[in-house]
N, C-alpha and C. Protein backbone atom coordinates (compact mmCIF):
# COMPACT_ATOMS: atom_id res chain seq x y z
N MET A 1 85.63 -90.98 -26.59
CA MET A 1 86.89 -90.73 -27.59
C MET A 1 86.68 -90.16 -29.28
N CYS A 2 86.13 -89.15 -29.02
CA CYS A 2 85.58 -89.38 -31.00
C CYS A 2 85.62 -90.64 -31.00
N TYR A 3 84.39 -90.69 -30.70
CA TYR A 3 83.86 -93.04 -31.02
C TYR A 3 85.12 -93.34 -31.97
N THR A 4 85.47 -92.81 -32.84
CA THR A 4 86.18 -93.04 -34.11
C THR A 4 87.96 -93.70 -33.92
N CYS A 5 88.22 -92.36 -32.96
CA CYS A 5 90.38 -92.81 -33.01
C CYS A 5 90.92 -94.17 -31.65
N GLY A 6 90.02 -94.20 -31.01
CA GLY A 6 90.53 -94.59 -29.99
C GLY A 6 91.17 -93.38 -28.26
N CYS A 7 90.44 -92.18 -28.50
CA CYS A 7 91.57 -91.53 -27.45
C CYS A 7 90.71 -91.28 -26.15
N LYS A 8 89.70 -91.92 -26.23
CA LYS A 8 88.37 -92.32 -25.62
C LYS A 8 88.06 -90.62 -24.75
N MET A 9 88.01 -89.76 -25.75
CA MET A 9 87.46 -88.35 -25.29
C MET A 9 86.06 -88.26 -25.90
N PRO A 10 85.03 -88.87 -25.72
CA PRO A 10 83.63 -88.97 -26.22
C PRO A 10 83.26 -87.42 -26.93
N TYR A 11 83.79 -85.99 -26.20
CA TYR A 11 83.16 -85.39 -26.91
C TYR A 11 84.07 -84.17 -28.38
N GLU A 12 84.98 -85.11 -27.99
CA GLU A 12 86.37 -84.18 -28.69
C GLU A 12 86.52 -84.65 -30.71
N ASP A 13 86.07 -83.89 -31.02
CA ASP A 13 86.44 -84.04 -32.81
C ASP A 13 88.16 -84.02 -33.86
N HIS A 14 88.79 -83.46 -32.73
CA HIS A 14 89.58 -83.05 -32.72
C HIS A 14 89.56 -82.01 -34.11
N GLY A 15 89.06 -81.33 -34.05
CA GLY A 15 89.12 -80.19 -35.50
C GLY A 15 89.01 -81.02 -36.47
N ASP A 16 87.86 -82.04 -36.51
CA ASP A 16 87.68 -82.88 -37.97
C ASP A 16 86.10 -83.24 -37.94
N PRO A 17 85.17 -82.61 -37.94
CA PRO A 17 83.86 -83.30 -38.33
C PRO A 17 83.40 -84.31 -38.70
N ARG A 18 84.43 -85.25 -39.91
CA ARG A 18 83.79 -86.58 -39.47
C ARG A 18 84.37 -87.51 -38.46
N ASN A 19 84.89 -87.38 -37.37
CA ASN A 19 84.93 -88.04 -36.48
C ASN A 19 83.70 -88.03 -35.57
N ILE A 20 82.98 -89.13 -35.28
CA ILE A 20 82.24 -89.43 -34.58
C ILE A 20 82.13 -88.88 -32.80
N VAL A 21 81.28 -87.76 -32.75
CA VAL A 21 81.48 -87.42 -31.17
C VAL A 21 80.25 -87.97 -30.11
N GLU A 22 80.13 -87.49 -29.71
CA GLU A 22 78.97 -87.89 -28.16
C GLU A 22 77.44 -87.62 -28.94
N GLN A 23 77.91 -85.52 -29.32
CA GLN A 23 76.67 -85.12 -30.59
C GLN A 23 76.05 -86.06 -30.78
N ALA A 24 76.76 -86.56 -31.92
CA ALA A 24 75.83 -87.11 -32.92
C ALA A 24 75.54 -87.96 -32.71
N LEU A 25 75.69 -88.92 -31.40
CA LEU A 25 74.67 -90.07 -30.59
C LEU A 25 73.37 -89.22 -30.14
N VAL A 26 73.64 -87.93 -29.16
CA VAL A 26 72.69 -87.40 -28.98
C VAL A 26 71.65 -87.30 -30.18
N ASN A 27 71.89 -86.69 -31.39
CA ASN A 27 71.20 -86.19 -32.27
C ASN A 27 70.21 -87.48 -32.84
N ALA A 28 70.98 -88.59 -32.73
CA ALA A 28 70.31 -90.15 -33.61
C ALA A 28 69.54 -90.67 -32.64
N GLY A 29 69.81 -90.46 -31.08
CA GLY A 29 68.63 -90.39 -30.07
C GLY A 29 67.16 -89.57 -30.59
N LYS A 30 67.21 -88.91 -30.97
CA LYS A 30 66.08 -87.80 -31.08
C LYS A 30 65.66 -87.92 -33.00
N THR A 31 65.87 -88.95 -33.55
CA THR A 31 64.79 -89.48 -34.60
C THR A 31 63.37 -89.57 -34.50
N LYS A 32 63.11 -90.08 -35.43
CA LYS A 32 61.67 -90.27 -35.29
C LYS A 32 61.97 -92.03 -35.62
N GLU A 33 62.94 -92.38 -36.46
CA GLU A 33 63.41 -94.00 -36.51
C GLU A 33 63.28 -95.30 -35.00
N ILE A 34 63.92 -93.95 -34.14
CA ILE A 34 64.39 -94.37 -32.44
C ILE A 34 62.68 -93.92 -31.93
N LYS A 35 62.03 -93.69 -32.36
CA LYS A 35 60.76 -93.05 -31.90
C LYS A 35 61.44 -91.71 -30.87
N ASN A 36 62.23 -91.44 -30.55
CA ASN A 36 62.63 -90.51 -30.01
C ASN A 36 63.42 -90.68 -29.15
N ALA A 37 63.51 -92.21 -28.97
CA ALA A 37 64.57 -92.46 -28.08
C ALA A 37 65.56 -92.57 -26.62
N GLY A 38 66.23 -91.49 -27.31
CA GLY A 38 67.48 -90.90 -26.63
C GLY A 38 68.62 -91.69 -27.13
N ARG A 39 70.06 -90.55 -26.63
CA ARG A 39 70.72 -91.10 -26.95
C ARG A 39 71.75 -93.21 -26.87
N VAL A 40 71.30 -93.54 -24.96
CA VAL A 40 71.20 -94.58 -24.64
C VAL A 40 70.72 -95.68 -25.63
N LYS A 41 69.87 -95.35 -26.31
CA LYS A 41 68.95 -96.60 -27.25
C LYS A 41 70.08 -96.80 -28.69
N ALA A 42 70.20 -95.34 -28.74
CA ALA A 42 70.64 -94.58 -30.31
C ALA A 42 72.04 -95.93 -30.12
N LYS A 43 72.92 -96.02 -28.97
CA LYS A 43 74.22 -96.78 -28.49
C LYS A 43 74.30 -97.99 -28.75
N GLU A 44 72.97 -98.06 -27.65
CA GLU A 44 72.52 -99.75 -27.66
C GLU A 44 72.22 -100.70 -29.01
N ASN A 45 72.07 -99.74 -30.25
CA ASN A 45 71.29 -100.03 -31.12
C ASN A 45 72.43 -100.13 -32.23
N MET A 46 73.66 -99.38 -32.17
CA MET A 46 74.63 -99.04 -32.69
C MET A 46 76.00 -100.13 -32.10
N PHE A 47 75.36 -101.04 -31.18
CA PHE A 47 76.44 -101.84 -30.62
C PHE A 47 76.25 -102.86 -30.93
N GLU A 48 74.54 -102.80 -31.14
CA GLU A 48 74.35 -104.23 -31.63
C GLU A 48 75.03 -104.78 -32.93
N LEU A 49 74.19 -103.68 -33.70
CA LEU A 49 74.84 -103.82 -35.08
C LEU A 49 76.45 -104.13 -35.42
N ILE A 50 77.03 -103.79 -34.97
CA ILE A 50 78.60 -103.43 -34.57
C ILE A 50 78.97 -105.13 -34.02
N ARG A 51 78.39 -105.60 -33.02
CA ARG A 51 78.69 -106.99 -32.68
C ARG A 51 78.47 -108.09 -33.48
N GLU A 52 77.29 -108.21 -34.32
CA GLU A 52 77.10 -108.38 -35.09
C GLU A 52 77.75 -108.60 -36.61
N GLN A 53 77.72 -107.51 -36.84
CA GLN A 53 78.96 -107.65 -37.53
C GLN A 53 80.27 -108.06 -37.53
N GLN A 54 80.91 -107.61 -36.39
CA GLN A 54 82.14 -108.26 -35.75
C GLN A 54 82.03 -110.08 -35.76
N ARG A 55 81.01 -110.44 -35.12
CA ARG A 55 80.30 -112.26 -34.83
C ARG A 55 80.12 -112.72 -36.22
N ARG A 56 79.89 -112.01 -37.48
CA ARG A 56 79.96 -112.46 -38.88
C ARG A 56 81.12 -112.64 -39.64
N GLY A 57 82.36 -111.62 -38.86
CA GLY A 57 83.46 -111.32 -39.56
C GLY A 57 83.20 -110.22 -40.91
N GLU A 58 82.67 -109.55 -40.46
CA GLU A 58 81.82 -108.52 -41.91
C GLU A 58 82.16 -106.81 -41.20
N LEU A 59 83.10 -106.92 -40.24
CA LEU A 59 84.00 -105.13 -40.00
C LEU A 59 84.22 -104.19 -41.20
N GLU A 60 85.08 -105.28 -42.29
CA GLU A 60 85.46 -104.65 -43.22
C GLU A 60 84.67 -104.58 -43.97
N GLU A 61 83.54 -105.62 -44.32
CA GLU A 61 82.32 -105.40 -45.56
C GLU A 61 81.09 -105.69 -45.19
N PRO A 62 80.80 -104.99 -44.27
CA PRO A 62 78.84 -105.08 -43.74
C PRO A 62 77.82 -105.35 -44.87
N ARG A 63 77.16 -106.37 -44.79
CA ARG A 63 76.16 -106.19 -45.63
C ARG A 63 75.25 -105.24 -45.52
N ALA A 64 74.37 -104.75 -46.68
CA ALA A 64 72.98 -103.87 -46.30
C ALA A 64 71.98 -104.05 -45.59
N ASN A 65 72.33 -105.27 -45.19
CA ASN A 65 70.88 -105.81 -44.12
C ASN A 65 71.13 -106.74 -43.33
N TYR A 66 71.19 -106.49 -42.19
CA TYR A 66 71.33 -107.65 -41.37
C TYR A 66 69.89 -108.04 -40.75
N ALA A 67 68.69 -106.89 -40.86
CA ALA A 67 67.24 -106.94 -40.55
C ALA A 67 66.72 -108.74 -40.98
N GLU A 68 66.61 -108.70 -42.26
CA GLU A 68 65.93 -109.77 -42.67
C GLU A 68 65.73 -111.34 -41.92
N GLU A 69 67.21 -111.51 -41.25
CA GLU A 69 67.37 -112.84 -40.28
C GLU A 69 66.78 -112.74 -39.60
N THR A 70 66.83 -111.48 -38.59
CA THR A 70 66.26 -111.26 -37.49
C THR A 70 64.90 -111.63 -37.82
N THR A 71 63.83 -110.81 -38.62
CA THR A 71 62.58 -110.69 -39.09
C THR A 71 61.78 -111.99 -39.14
N LYS A 72 62.86 -112.88 -40.10
CA LYS A 72 62.19 -114.18 -40.19
C LYS A 72 62.17 -114.85 -38.88
N LYS A 73 63.23 -114.63 -37.98
CA LYS A 73 62.91 -115.51 -36.96
C LYS A 73 61.98 -115.30 -36.04
N GLY A 74 61.81 -114.13 -35.81
CA GLY A 74 60.84 -113.29 -35.02
C GLY A 74 59.48 -113.58 -35.29
């Protein structure tokens, strides 16, 4: 859906490069930060963070770091 607007067309940016499309996730999957793990891992990581923000009621104003608490637990 351009992952932004809800149209459910993952490759369509509607002429606006600010819309998140599948290629952005393909590119994110090639970064050294996730050790070139691929788009599926990039999507899973994004989904996990958004779920955490939603669970905490922080979608509108997310905190800068959600890793601190995860690190303390582990």
